């Protein structure tokens, strides 16, 4: 069975989601760890909880796309919509630098993932078996 080449747009989304997920998870964790004080009880802000949740979904979606999982299309689309909706909340916080490229990336991701060819490719990725040259030869 031959592996189909991954479209460039999917590769960009894979890389972006894994990169932004890893970076935001590290930065938000560092901010929480640096803000701990032994005399003060620390409560997580809604922004940190939102960013951690998005970070995990970005990583989950990115690795799902990399491994060509059928559910990666759904998770990727839901993640892109949630990221776009949460963008105004996080853009003007300390996480704004991380979220700023999302102004371009998330609308592109929603547009790209809703194209019929891409949707079909991703949702039927593991269903189709390709004939290899050895299986088509007589003999």
Protein backbone atom coordinates (compact mmCIF):
# COMPACT_ATOMS: atom_id res chain seq x y z
CA UNK A 1 0.00 0.00 0.00
CA UNK A 2 1.47 3.35 -1.06
CA UNK A 3 1.09 6.36 1.13
CA UNK A 4 -0.59 9.37 -0.43
CA UNK A 5 1.40 12.58 -0.26
CA UNK A 6 0.13 14.99 2.35
CA UNK A 7 -1.17 18.27 0.89
CA UNK A 8 0.96 21.31 1.68
CA UNK A 9 -1.88 23.04 3.54
CA UNK A 10 -2.30 20.07 5.88
CA UNK A 11 1.46 20.00 6.50
CA UNK A 12 1.37 23.70 7.39
CA UNK A 13 -1.52 23.13 9.81
CA UNK A 14 0.23 20.13 11.39
CA UNK A 15 3.41 22.09 11.98
CA UNK A 16 1.55 25.18 13.19
CA UNK A 17 -0.62 23.28 15.66
CA UNK A 18 2.25 21.28 17.12
CA UNK A 19 4.49 24.35 17.31
CA UNK A 20 1.91 26.70 18.83
CA UNK A 21 0.59 24.00 21.16
CA UNK A 22 4.06 23.21 22.50
CA UNK A 23 5.09 26.84 22.81
CA UNK A 24 1.92 28.00 24.55
CA UNK A 25 1.94 25.03 26.92
CA UNK A 26 5.53 25.76 27.95
CA UNK A 27 4.99 29.51 28.34
CA UNK A 28 1.75 29.23 30.30
CA UNK A 29 3.29 26.57 32.56
CA UNK A 30 6.35 28.75 33.17
CA UNK A 31 4.17 31.74 34.01
CA UNK A 32 2.24 29.70 36.54
CA UNK A 33 5.41 28.26 38.09
CA UNK A 34 7.08 31.68 38.28
CA UNK A 35 4.05 33.25 39.93
CA UNK A 36 3.92 30.74 42.80
CA UNK A 37 4.79 32.25 46.13
CA UNK A 38 5.07 30.16 49.24
CA UNK A 39 2.95 32.60 51.24
CA UNK A 40 0.25 33.18 48.64
CA UNK A 41 -2.38 30.77 47.41
CA UNK A 42 -2.32 30.83 43.62
CA UNK A 43 -5.51 30.45 41.65
CA UNK A 44 -5.46 29.83 37.95
CA UNK A 45 -6.87 32.59 35.80
CA UNK A 46 -9.47 31.79 33.15
CA UNK A 47 -6.89 32.83 30.54
CA UNK A 48 -4.41 30.21 31.71
CA UNK A 49 -7.06 27.50 31.79
CA UNK A 50 -8.25 28.49 28.31
CA UNK A 51 -4.71 28.53 26.93
CA UNK A 52 -3.82 25.17 28.50
CA UNK A 53 -6.99 23.64 27.06
CA UNK A 54 -6.27 25.08 23.62
CA UNK A 55 -2.63 23.98 23.86
CA UNK A 56 -3.62 20.39 24.48
CA UNK A 57 -6.18 20.41 21.66
CA UNK A 58 -3.64 21.96 19.27
CA UNK A 59 -1.14 19.23 20.10
CA UNK A 60 -3.79 16.50 19.87
CA UNK A 61 -5.01 17.78 16.51
CA UNK A 62 -1.54 18.35 15.09
CA UNK A 63 -0.32 14.88 15.99
CA UNK A 64 -3.58 13.37 14.73
CA UNK A 65 -3.07 15.03 11.35
CA UNK A 66 0.55 13.89 11.29
CA UNK A 67 -0.52 10.31 11.89
CA UNK A 68 -3.36 10.61 9.32
CA UNK A 69 -6.13 9.77 11.77
CA UNK A 70 -9.68 10.09 10.47
CA UNK A 71 -10.82 12.04 13.54
CA UNK A 72 -8.11 14.67 12.99
CA UNK A 73 -10.31 16.59 10.53
CA UNK A 74 -13.08 17.02 13.10
CA UNK A 75 -10.71 17.88 15.93
CA UNK A 76 -8.76 20.25 13.66
CA UNK A 77 -11.88 22.10 12.57
CA UNK A 78 -13.29 22.37 16.10
CA UNK A 79 -9.90 23.52 17.38
CA UNK A 80 -9.62 26.17 14.64
CA UNK A 81 -13.11 27.51 15.44
CA UNK A 82 -12.44 27.56 19.20
CA UNK A 83 -9.10 29.25 18.62
CA UNK A 84 -10.67 31.91 16.42
CA UNK A 85 -13.46 32.55 18.95
CA UNK A 86 -11.00 32.77 21.85
CA UNK A 87 -8.57 34.96 19.92
CA UNK A 88 -10.05 38.29 21.13
CA UNK A 89 -9.89 37.06 24.74
CA UNK A 90 -6.22 36.09 24.62
CA UNK A 91 -4.90 38.62 22.13
CA UNK A 92 -4.59 41.47 24.63
CA UNK A 93 -3.11 39.43 27.46
CA UNK A 94 0.42 38.25 28.08
CA UNK A 95 -0.34 35.49 25.54
CA UNK A 96 -0.98 38.01 22.76
CA UNK A 97 2.37 37.42 21.11
CA UNK A 98 1.59 33.71 20.81
CA UNK A 99 -1.95 34.31 19.58
CA UNK A 100 -1.28 37.15 17.10
CA UNK A 101 -0.47 34.93 14.08
CA UNK A 102 -3.81 33.23 14.66
CA UNK A 103 -5.50 36.25 13.07
CA UNK A 104 -4.35 34.79 9.74
CA UNK A 105 -3.87 31.09 10.53
CA UNK A 106 -7.25 30.19 12.08
CA UNK A 107 -9.47 31.65 9.31
CA UNK A 108 -7.17 29.92 6.78
CA UNK A 109 -7.51 26.64 8.70
CA UNK A 110 -11.32 26.87 8.78
CA UNK A 111 -11.47 27.75 5.08
CA UNK A 112 -8.98 25.06 4.08
CA UNK A 113 -10.44 22.25 6.19
CA UNK A 114 -13.94 22.88 4.83
CA UNK A 115 -12.87 22.41 1.20
CA UNK A 116 -14.59 19.24 -0.08
CA UNK A 117 -11.36 17.72 -1.42
CA UNK A 118 -9.52 18.19 1.88
CA UNK A 119 -12.46 16.97 3.95
CA UNK A 120 -12.79 13.84 1.81
CA UNK A 121 -9.05 13.24 1.88
CA UNK A 122 -8.83 13.49 5.65
CA UNK A 123 -12.02 11.64 6.58
CA UNK A 124 -11.32 8.77 4.19
CA UNK A 125 -7.54 8.77 4.62
CA UNK A 126 -7.17 5.22 5.93
CA UNK A 127 -10.08 3.69 4.02
CA UNK A 128 -8.54 3.60 0.56
CA UNK A 129 -5.93 1.03 -0.34
CA UNK A 130 -3.65 1.77 -3.22
CA UNK A 131 -2.38 -0.82 -5.61
CA UNK A 132 1.35 -1.22 -5.48
CA UNK A 133 3.33 -2.16 -8.59
CA UNK A 134 4.01 -5.62 -7.18
CA UNK A 135 0.32 -6.34 -6.57
CA UNK A 136 -0.70 -5.33 -10.09
CA UNK A 137 1.89 -7.38 -11.93
CA UNK A 138 0.80 -10.70 -13.38
CA UNK A 139 2.43 -13.71 -12.16
